[in-house]
Amino acid sequence: MGEIARGADGRRLFTPEFKKQQIDRVLRGDLTLSELTRELDVSASVVRKWKRLVEQGSTAAMRANGDVVPAHRLREAESRIRELERALGRKTMEVEILQAAQEEVKKRPRWYGVSTR
């Protein structure tokens, strides 16, 4: 079957690919939703959730443990990660520049740039 493991609570875990294959069987008319729930021994609400995700094109967001992340939330999170990586890169460059400037200042004599008037 498409089970990959059992969770800590003993529930079966299905791969996203397996979930999509099963929903495709329903969409093709090979069997009904209720027949699929009986065949897999899962609740109808679980199968309806799989179906909704397949219809939305969100199967990549399905995790094997049954938790679901909508595709738009996944894209938002990935976008936020890229934004934070860019900010981190800028801050890293700023720190490197300031450290280099500090080293240059340390190399100069203490009296350099000080007015003696």
Protein backbone atom coordinates (compact mmCIF):
# COMPACT_ATOMS: atom_id res chain seq x y z
CA MET A 1 0.00 0.00 0.00
CA GLY A 2 1.17 3.64 0.25
CA GLU A 3 1.76 3.59 3.98
CA ILE A 4 5.21 4.75 4.93
CA ALA A 5 5.06 4.28 8.69
CA ARG A 6 2.90 4.45 11.73
CA GLY A 7 2.74 7.53 13.89
CA ALA A 8 3.42 7.55 17.63
CA ASP A 9 -0.31 7.18 18.18
CA GLY A 10 -0.46 4.14 15.87
CA ARG A 11 -2.11 5.90 12.93
CA ARG A 12 -1.09 4.92 9.44
CA LEU A 13 0.85 7.50 7.48
CA PHE A 14 0.31 7.78 3.71
CA THR A 15 2.62 9.47 1.23
CA PRO A 16 1.31 12.48 -0.72
CA GLU A 17 1.77 10.48 -3.94
CA PHE A 18 -0.40 7.65 -2.62
CA LYS A 19 -3.09 10.12 -1.55
CA LYS A 20 -3.12 11.68 -5.02
CA GLN A 21 -3.30 8.28 -6.71
CA GLN A 22 -6.30 7.31 -4.61
CA ILE A 23 -8.13 10.58 -5.30
CA ASP A 24 -7.36 10.20 -9.02
CA ARG A 25 -9.16 6.85 -8.88
CA VAL A 26 -12.24 8.63 -7.51
CA LEU A 27 -12.02 11.47 -10.04
CA ARG A 28 -11.75 8.98 -12.92
CA GLY A 29 -14.86 7.23 -11.63
CA ASP A 30 -13.11 3.96 -10.82
CA LEU A 31 -14.76 4.03 -7.39
CA THR A 32 -16.77 6.36 -5.18
CA LEU A 33 -15.52 8.34 -2.23
CA SER A 34 -17.35 6.06 0.20
CA GLU A 35 -15.87 2.97 -1.47
CA LEU A 36 -12.40 4.46 -1.08
CA THR A 37 -12.97 5.24 2.60
CA ARG A 38 -14.03 1.64 3.21
CA GLU A 39 -11.12 0.26 1.17
CA LEU A 40 -8.52 2.33 3.05
CA ASP A 41 -10.37 2.25 6.38
CA VAL A 42 -10.11 6.03 6.80
CA SER A 43 -12.79 8.59 7.59
CA ALA A 44 -14.69 10.36 4.84
CA SER A 45 -13.47 13.74 6.10
CA VAL A 46 -9.85 12.67 5.55
CA VAL A 47 -10.56 11.57 1.99
CA ARG A 48 -12.51 14.77 1.29
CA LYS A 49 -9.52 16.78 2.56
CA TRP A 50 -7.22 14.85 0.19
CA LYS A 51 -9.65 15.47 -2.67
CA ARG A 52 -9.86 19.20 -1.97
CA LEU A 53 -6.06 19.45 -1.94
CA VAL A 54 -5.71 17.52 -5.19
CA GLU A 55 -8.33 19.73 -6.84
CA GLN A 56 -6.47 22.84 -5.62
CA GLY A 57 -3.18 21.47 -6.88
CA SER A 58 -1.78 21.45 -3.35
CA THR A 59 -0.55 17.88 -3.15
CA ALA A 60 3.02 19.08 -2.72
CA ALA A 61 1.90 20.68 0.53
CA MET A 62 0.47 17.43 1.92
CA ARG A 63 2.68 15.92 4.54
CA ALA A 64 2.79 12.20 5.19
CA ASN A 65 1.43 12.65 8.70
CA GLY A 66 -1.84 14.04 7.38
CA ASP A 67 -1.22 17.65 8.34
CA VAL A 68 -2.04 19.98 5.50
CA VAL A 69 -0.49 23.28 4.50
CA PRO A 70 -2.36 25.19 1.78
CA ALA A 71 -0.26 25.95 -1.30
CA HIS A 72 -0.60 29.72 -0.85
CA ARG A 73 0.68 29.49 2.74
CA LEU A 74 3.63 27.43 1.53
CA ARG A 75 4.44 30.05 -1.13
CA GLU A 76 4.12 32.83 1.47
CA ALA A 77 6.50 31.01 3.81
CA GLU A 78 9.03 30.40 1.03
CA SER A 79 8.81 34.07 0.03
CA ARG A 80 9.36 35.14 3.64
CA ILE A 81 12.37 32.82 3.91
CA ARG A 82 13.92 34.37 0.78
CA GLU A 83 13.26 37.87 2.18
CA LEU A 84 14.91 36.98 5.50
CA GLU A 85 17.89 35.37 3.73
CA ARG A 86 18.41 38.59 1.76
CA ALA A 87 18.19 40.67 4.95
CA LEU A 88 20.66 38.34 6.67
CA GLY A 89 23.05 38.70 3.73
CA ARG A 90 22.86 42.50 3.92
CA LYS A 91 23.46 42.50 7.67
CA THR A 92 26.38 40.10 7.30
CA MET A 93 27.95 42.44 4.74
CA GLU A 94 27.41 45.42 7.06
CA VAL A 95 29.12 43.60 9.93
CA GLU A 96 32.06 42.62 7.71
CA ILE A 97 32.46 46.21 6.50
CA LEU A 98 32.33 47.60 10.04
CA GLN A 99 34.83 45.00 11.27
CA ALA A 100 37.20 45.87 8.43
CA ALA A 101 36.84 49.58 9.21
CA GLN A 102 37.49 48.91 12.87
CA GLU A 103 40.67 47.00 12.00
CA GLU A 104 41.85 49.92 9.86
CA VAL A 105 41.21 52.37 12.69
CA LYS A 106 43.15 50.16 15.11
CA LYS A 107 46.17 50.19 12.74
CA ARG A 108 46.44 53.97 12.79
CA PRO A 109 48.45 55.77 15.46
CA ARG A 110 46.37 57.00 18.37
CA TRP A 111 47.20 60.64 17.64
CA TYR A 112 46.05 60.33 14.00
CA GLY A 113 43.26 62.75 13.25
CA VAL A 114 43.32 64.37 16.69
CA SER A 115 43.67 68.14 16.76
CA THR A 116 46.46 69.46 18.99
CA ARG A 117 45.23 73.03 19.17
